[in-house]
Amino acid sequence: RAIAETVRAPWRAGGPTMAQITTHRIDSAAGAFDLRLYRPAGLRHPAPALVYVHGGGWCLFSLDTHDRLMRELAARAGIVVVGIDYALAPEHPYPTALRQCVDAVRALRTRADDFGLDATRLAIGGDSAGANLALATALQLRDADGHTGLAGLLLHYGAFDTAIDADSAATLGAADAMLSADEMADYWRAYLGPAADRCRDPAAVPAHAALHALPPTLLLWGERDVLAAQNAAMAARLRASGVDVDTQAYAGAPHSFLEAMSVSEIARDALARGAGWLRTRLAPAGVDA
């Protein structure tokens, strides 16, 4: 983890400055955790917000590794971005992180005035394992509350299925890939235990979930990602379930490509696409985004 933080440090340097960054402690039955709120300049109160769940195979990375990504989305979309500092596996295996994400959204709803947020204009998103947790959170809220209460899902190259098809593993998931098939299997085992490949729990493995009654969803992924096929499959299943879905697959882009925003035009395009989509989804009723 220390090496991962060091390696990612240059990736998060630079980028937009926020008017305010604050940290808030949330008490949860799954263990207390922090929320970090990024508020760009010029926002009125109450503000719309994206709840963001960082990636890292449920085991690595942090609010710091994803600091610039969250600042970029906040500035480009003109919204508050709320990062969740969830507990990491294997010390805290499933369902700890998921329960904390659900509790984070509920706290933001019930205490919206405390945070200066509009509880009716909340979206949730994430990358890789964070996209898994974001989608699973929406599923949990749908099943527990009768609806998600969320205005959108922004999913970056998500880990949605423990199974990786043989062609993807061979051509995109070799040992020298940004994310290899073997690494992904190790992450699933750290999160779900030694029988991860046999897990069919839809809250842990959204590929096995019923996907009806979810909010509008934008999926972005790179075509040179070992998870590309399961992102395309998830988009198709969401559409078949009646969900309003937008997608963009970026030719030549590997896993985690968004984090290269300081040097990659593709990453900057994906950020702009996601931010524009968020502006539309989180605009007040009757207001042209």
Protein backbone atom coordinates (compact mmCIF):
# COMPACT_ATOMS: atom_id res chain seq x y z
CA ARG A 1 0.00 0.00 0.00
CA ALA A 2 2.84 2.42 0.81
CA ILE A 3 4.44 1.70 -2.56
CA ALA A 4 1.10 2.23 -4.33
CA GLU A 5 0.66 5.60 -2.63
CA THR A 6 4.18 6.65 -3.64
CA VAL A 7 3.81 5.51 -7.24
CA ARG A 8 0.49 7.32 -7.60
CA ALA A 9 1.69 10.58 -6.00
CA PRO A 10 2.80 12.23 -9.29
CA TRP A 11 -0.53 11.26 -10.89
CA ARG A 12 -2.50 13.33 -8.42
CA ALA A 13 -0.28 16.43 -8.60
CA GLY A 14 -1.68 19.62 -10.11
CA GLY A 15 -5.23 20.07 -11.28
CA PRO A 16 -7.97 22.43 -10.14
CA THR A 17 -8.04 24.17 -6.76
CA MET A 18 -11.12 23.74 -4.58
CA ALA A 19 -12.82 26.52 -2.65
CA GLN A 20 -13.12 24.14 0.28
CA ILE A 21 -12.05 20.60 1.22
CA THR A 22 -13.45 19.22 4.47
CA THR A 23 -13.36 15.87 6.25
CA HIS A 24 -16.27 14.45 8.23
CA ARG A 25 -16.38 11.38 10.49
CA ILE A 26 -19.32 9.01 9.97
CA ASP A 27 -20.30 6.52 12.65
CA SER A 28 -21.45 3.21 11.18
CA ALA A 29 -22.29 -0.25 12.46
CA ALA A 30 -19.70 -1.41 9.91
CA GLY A 31 -17.04 0.78 11.56
CA ALA A 32 -16.48 4.52 11.60
CA PHE A 33 -15.02 6.07 8.45
CA ASP A 34 -14.33 9.47 6.91
CA LEU A 35 -15.95 11.39 4.07
CA ARG A 36 -13.92 14.02 2.22
CA LEU A 37 -15.96 16.79 0.54
CA TYR A 38 -14.54 18.69 -2.43
CA ARG A 39 -16.42 21.93 -3.07
CA PRO A 40 -15.42 24.05 -6.09
CA ALA A 41 -15.88 27.80 -6.17
CA GLY A 42 -19.17 29.37 -7.16
CA LEU A 43 -21.55 26.67 -5.92
CA ARG A 44 -24.85 27.67 -4.42
CA HIS A 45 -26.30 25.92 -1.38
CA PRO A 46 -27.67 23.31 -1.40
CA ALA A 47 -25.40 21.78 -4.03
CA PRO A 48 -25.67 18.59 -6.06
CA ALA A 49 -23.07 15.94 -5.30
CA LEU A 50 -21.33 12.86 -6.63
CA VAL A 51 -20.44 10.26 -4.02
CA TYR A 52 -17.18 8.74 -5.30
CA VAL A 53 -15.72 5.33 -4.38
CA HIS A 54 -12.04 4.91 -5.24
CA GLY A 55 -10.67 1.78 -6.84
CA GLY A 56 -7.74 -0.42 -5.88
CA GLY A 57 -9.06 -3.98 -5.81
CA TRP A 58 -10.80 -3.36 -2.47
CA CYS A 59 -7.27 -3.63 -0.99
CA LEU A 60 -5.27 -0.59 -2.12
CA PHE A 61 -5.40 3.15 -2.78
CA SER A 62 -7.13 5.87 -0.86
CA LEU A 63 -8.73 9.28 -1.00
CA ASP A 64 -5.23 10.66 -1.57
CA THR A 65 -4.45 8.52 -4.64
CA HIS A 66 -7.73 9.65 -6.18
CA ASP A 67 -7.56 13.25 -4.95
CA ARG A 68 -6.99 14.84 -8.35
CA LEU A 69 -9.61 12.67 -10.05
CA MET A 70 -12.21 13.86 -7.54
CA ARG A 71 -11.09 17.49 -7.82
CA GLU A 72 -11.30 17.30 -11.61
CA LEU A 73 -14.84 15.91 -11.52
CA ALA A 74 -15.92 18.53 -8.98
CA ALA A 75 -14.51 21.43 -10.98
CA ARG A 76 -15.59 20.19 -14.41
CA ALA A 77 -19.14 19.25 -13.37
CA GLY A 78 -19.67 22.17 -10.98
CA ILE A 79 -20.74 19.89 -8.13
CA VAL A 80 -19.52 18.69 -4.75
CA VAL A 81 -17.65 15.38 -4.87
CA VAL A 82 -17.72 13.26 -1.73
CA GLY A 83 -14.98 10.63 -1.39
CA ILE A 84 -15.51 7.64 0.90
CA ASP A 85 -12.54 6.41 2.94
CA TYR A 86 -13.90 2.87 3.24
CA ALA A 87 -12.19 0.02 5.12
CA LEU A 88 -9.87 -2.12 2.97
CA ALA A 89 -9.64 -5.87 2.48
CA PRO A 90 -8.34 -8.39 3.43
CA GLU A 91 -8.44 -7.01 6.98
CA HIS A 92 -12.02 -5.90 6.33
CA PRO A 93 -13.55 -8.32 3.82
CA TYR A 94 -16.98 -8.14 2.20
CA PRO A 95 -19.43 -6.74 3.18
CA THR A 96 -17.71 -4.09 5.34
CA ALA A 97 -16.86 -1.63 2.55
CA LEU A 98 -20.29 -2.01 0.96
CA ARG A 99 -22.08 -1.38 4.25
CA GLN A 100 -20.00 1.75 4.78
CA CYS A 101 -20.86 3.01 1.29
CA VAL A 102 -24.57 2.47 1.94
CA ASP A 103 -24.27 4.25 5.28
CA ALA A 104 -22.41 7.11 3.60
CA VAL A 105 -25.25 7.74 1.14
CA ARG A 106 -27.83 7.53 3.91
CA ALA A 107 -25.87 9.98 6.06
CA LEU A 108 -25.59 12.43 3.16
CA ARG A 109 -29.35 12.20 2.64
CA THR A 110 -30.40 12.58 6.28
CA ARG A 111 -27.79 15.24 7.09
CA ALA A 112 -27.83 17.02 3.75
CA ASP A 113 -28.25 20.43 5.39
CA ASP A 114 -25.14 19.85 7.52
CA PHE A 115 -23.10 19.17 4.38
CA GLY A 116 -24.69 21.90 2.26
CA LEU A 117 -26.03 19.30 -0.19
CA ASP A 118 -29.28 18.77 -2.05
CA ALA A 119 -30.48 15.30 -1.02
CA THR A 120 -32.57 15.04 -4.18
CA ARG A 121 -29.53 15.51 -6.45
CA LEU A 122 -27.06 12.81 -5.43
CA ALA A 123 -25.22 10.49 -7.80
CA ILE A 124 -22.73 7.75 -6.99
CA GLY A 125 -19.75 6.53 -8.96
CA GLY A 126 -16.38 4.90 -8.80
CA ASP A 127 -13.60 3.16 -10.69
CA SER A 128 -12.71 -0.53 -10.84
CA ALA A 129 -13.51 -2.02 -7.41
CA GLY A 130 -15.08 1.36 -6.60
CA ALA A 131 -17.47 0.96 -9.54
CA ASN A 132 -18.41 -2.44 -8.12
CA LEU A 133 -19.16 -0.83 -4.74
CA ALA A 134 -21.06 2.07 -6.33
CA LEU A 135 -23.33 -0.25 -8.31
CA ALA A 136 -23.76 -2.59 -5.34
CA THR A 137 -24.69 0.41 -3.14
CA ALA A 138 -27.40 1.42 -5.59
CA LEU A 139 -28.69 -2.16 -5.58
CA GLN A 140 -28.74 -2.27 -1.78
CA LEU A 141 -30.61 1.02 -1.55
CA ARG A 142 -33.10 -0.13 -4.19
CA ASP A 143 -33.83 -3.37 -2.35
CA ALA A 144 -33.95 -1.86 1.14
CA ASP A 145 -35.73 1.41 0.41
CA GLY A 146 -37.85 0.49 -2.59
CA HIS A 147 -35.82 2.82 -4.82
CA THR A 148 -32.24 4.05 -4.99
CA GLY A 149 -32.97 7.72 -4.36
CA LEU A 150 -30.00 8.39 -6.62
CA ALA A 151 -29.95 10.52 -9.75
CA GLY A 152 -27.20 8.66 -11.57
CA LEU A 153 -24.44 6.05 -11.62
CA LEU A 154 -21.00 6.92 -13.07
CA LEU A 155 -19.05 3.68 -13.50
CA HIS A 156 -15.42 3.66 -14.66
CA TYR A 157 -14.05 0.29 -15.84
CA GLY A 158 -15.85 -1.68 -13.15
CA ALA A 159 -15.08 -5.11 -11.68
CA PHE A 160 -18.52 -6.68 -12.03
CA ASP A 161 -17.82 -10.41 -12.40
CA THR A 162 -15.35 -12.82 -10.82
CA ALA A 163 -15.17 -14.67 -14.14
CA ILE A 164 -12.88 -13.31 -16.86
CA ASP A 165 -13.33 -14.91 -20.26
CA ALA A 166 -10.37 -16.85 -21.64
CA ASP A 167 -9.80 -14.51 -24.58
CA SER A 168 -9.66 -11.41 -22.35
CA ALA A 169 -7.33 -13.16 -19.92
CA ALA A 170 -4.98 -14.24 -22.72
CA THR A 171 -4.94 -11.07 -24.82
CA LEU A 172 -5.54 -8.28 -22.29
CA GLY A 173 -4.74 -9.78 -18.89
CA ALA A 174 -1.15 -10.98 -19.20
CA ALA A 175 1.36 -10.35 -16.43
CA ASP A 176 2.62 -7.11 -18.00
CA ALA A 177 -0.86 -5.55 -18.32
CA MET A 178 -1.93 -2.59 -16.19
CA LEU A 179 -4.28 -5.08 -14.53
CA SER A 180 -3.65 -8.78 -15.11
CA ALA A 181 -6.20 -11.58 -14.85
CA ASP A 182 -4.18 -13.13 -12.01
CA GLU A 183 -4.10 -9.83 -10.10
CA MET A 184 -7.86 -9.47 -10.47
CA ALA A 185 -8.38 -12.99 -9.13
CA ASP A 186 -6.18 -12.16 -6.13
CA TYR A 187 -8.22 -9.02 -5.44
CA TRP A 188 -11.50 -10.96 -5.55
CA ARG A 189 -10.09 -13.54 -3.10
CA ALA A 190 -8.94 -10.81 -0.73
CA TYR A 191 -12.43 -9.27 -0.83
CA LEU A 192 -14.60 -12.40 -0.81
CA GLY A 193 -12.38 -15.16 0.53
CA PRO A 194 -10.83 -18.30 -1.01
CA ALA A 195 -14.11 -19.36 -2.67
CA ALA A 196 -14.50 -16.04 -4.49
CA ASP A 197 -14.79 -17.66 -7.91
CA ARG A 198 -17.90 -19.53 -6.74
CA CYS A 199 -19.60 -16.50 -5.18
CA ARG A 200 -23.01 -15.68 -6.63
CA ASP A 201 -24.03 -13.04 -4.08
CA PRO A 202 -25.43 -10.22 -6.25
CA ALA A 203 -24.34 -7.54 -3.76
CA ALA A 204 -20.75 -8.75 -4.06
CA VAL A 205 -20.75 -9.73 -7.73
CA PRO A 206 -23.19 -7.45 -9.61
CA ALA A 207 -23.00 -9.63 -12.73
CA HIS A 208 -25.43 -11.90 -10.85
CA ALA A 209 -27.81 -9.11 -9.77
CA ALA A 210 -31.23 -8.15 -11.05
CA LEU A 211 -30.65 -4.70 -12.53
CA HIS A 212 -34.14 -3.23 -12.76
CA ALA A 213 -35.13 0.15 -11.29
CA LEU A 214 -31.64 1.63 -11.25
CA PRO A 215 -30.90 5.28 -12.08
CA PRO A 216 -29.44 6.46 -15.40
CA THR A 217 -25.95 5.07 -15.81
CA LEU A 218 -22.80 6.08 -17.69
CA LEU A 219 -20.14 3.39 -18.17
CA LEU A 220 -16.66 4.35 -19.40
CA TRP A 221 -13.88 1.84 -20.01
CA GLY A 222 -10.78 1.21 -22.09
CA GLU A 223 -10.72 -1.42 -24.82
CA ARG A 224 -7.25 -2.61 -23.70
CA ASP A 225 -8.58 -3.57 -20.25
CA VAL A 226 -8.99 -7.16 -19.07
CA LEU A 227 -12.37 -6.00 -17.67
CA ALA A 228 -13.57 -4.50 -20.99
CA ALA A 229 -15.79 -7.45 -21.92
CA GLN A 230 -17.59 -7.48 -18.58
CA ASN A 231 -18.20 -3.73 -18.79
CA ALA A 232 -19.76 -4.17 -22.22
CA ALA A 233 -21.83 -7.06 -20.87
CA MET A 234 -22.98 -4.99 -17.89
CA ALA A 235 -24.06 -2.15 -20.19
CA ALA A 236 -26.09 -4.57 -22.30
CA ARG A 237 -27.74 -6.13 -19.24
CA LEU A 238 -28.62 -2.73 -17.79
CA ARG A 239 -30.25 -1.70 -21.06
CA ALA A 240 -32.17 -4.98 -21.22
CA SER A 241 -33.42 -4.25 -17.68
CA GLY A 242 -34.85 -0.89 -18.75
CA VAL A 243 -32.09 1.33 -17.37
CA ASP A 244 -31.15 4.51 -19.26
CA VAL A 245 -27.54 3.73 -20.25
CA ASP A 246 -24.78 5.70 -21.97
CA THR A 247 -21.38 4.18 -22.74
CA GLN A 248 -18.00 5.00 -24.20
CA ALA A 249 -15.21 2.49 -24.81
CA TYR A 250 -11.84 4.13 -25.48
CA ALA A 251 -9.64 2.47 -28.08
CA GLY A 252 -6.16 1.65 -26.83
CA ALA A 253 -6.86 2.67 -23.23
CA PRO A 254 -5.83 0.29 -20.41
CA HIS A 255 -7.27 -0.17 -16.95
CA SER A 256 -6.97 2.89 -14.67
CA PHE A 257 -6.43 5.19 -17.67
CA LEU A 258 -8.34 8.08 -16.05
CA GLU A 259 -5.55 8.54 -13.51
CA ALA A 260 -3.20 9.59 -16.34
CA MET A 261 -5.22 12.79 -16.85
CA SER A 262 -2.13 15.03 -16.65
CA VAL A 263 -0.62 13.44 -19.78
CA SER A 264 -3.47 11.66 -21.59
CA GLU A 265 -5.96 13.33 -23.92
CA ILE A 266 -8.13 10.20 -23.74
CA ALA A 267 -8.30 10.53 -19.95
CA ARG A 268 -9.21 14.21 -20.23
CA ASP A 269 -11.93 13.38 -22.76
CA ALA A 270 -13.37 10.76 -20.39
CA LEU A 271 -13.37 13.27 -17.54
CA ALA A 272 -15.13 15.84 -19.70
CA ARG A 273 -17.68 13.27 -20.85
CA GLY A 274 -18.42 12.16 -17.30
CA ALA A 275 -18.62 15.73 -16.02
CA GLY A 276 -21.02 16.79 -18.77
CA TRP A 277 -23.21 13.80 -18.08
CA LEU A 278 -23.24 14.63 -14.36
CA ARG A 279 -24.20 18.25 -15.04
CA THR A 280 -27.20 17.06 -17.02
CA ARG A 281 -28.29 14.45 -14.49
CA LEU A 282 -27.85 16.65 -11.43
CA ALA A 283 -29.32 19.89 -12.79
CA PRO A 284 -32.44 21.14 -10.98
CA ALA A 285 -35.76 20.37 -12.63
CA GLY A 286 -36.55 22.92 -15.31
CA VAL A 287 -32.94 24.16 -15.54
CA ASP A 288 -30.91 23.63 -18.70
CA ALA A 289 -27.58 22.06 -17.71
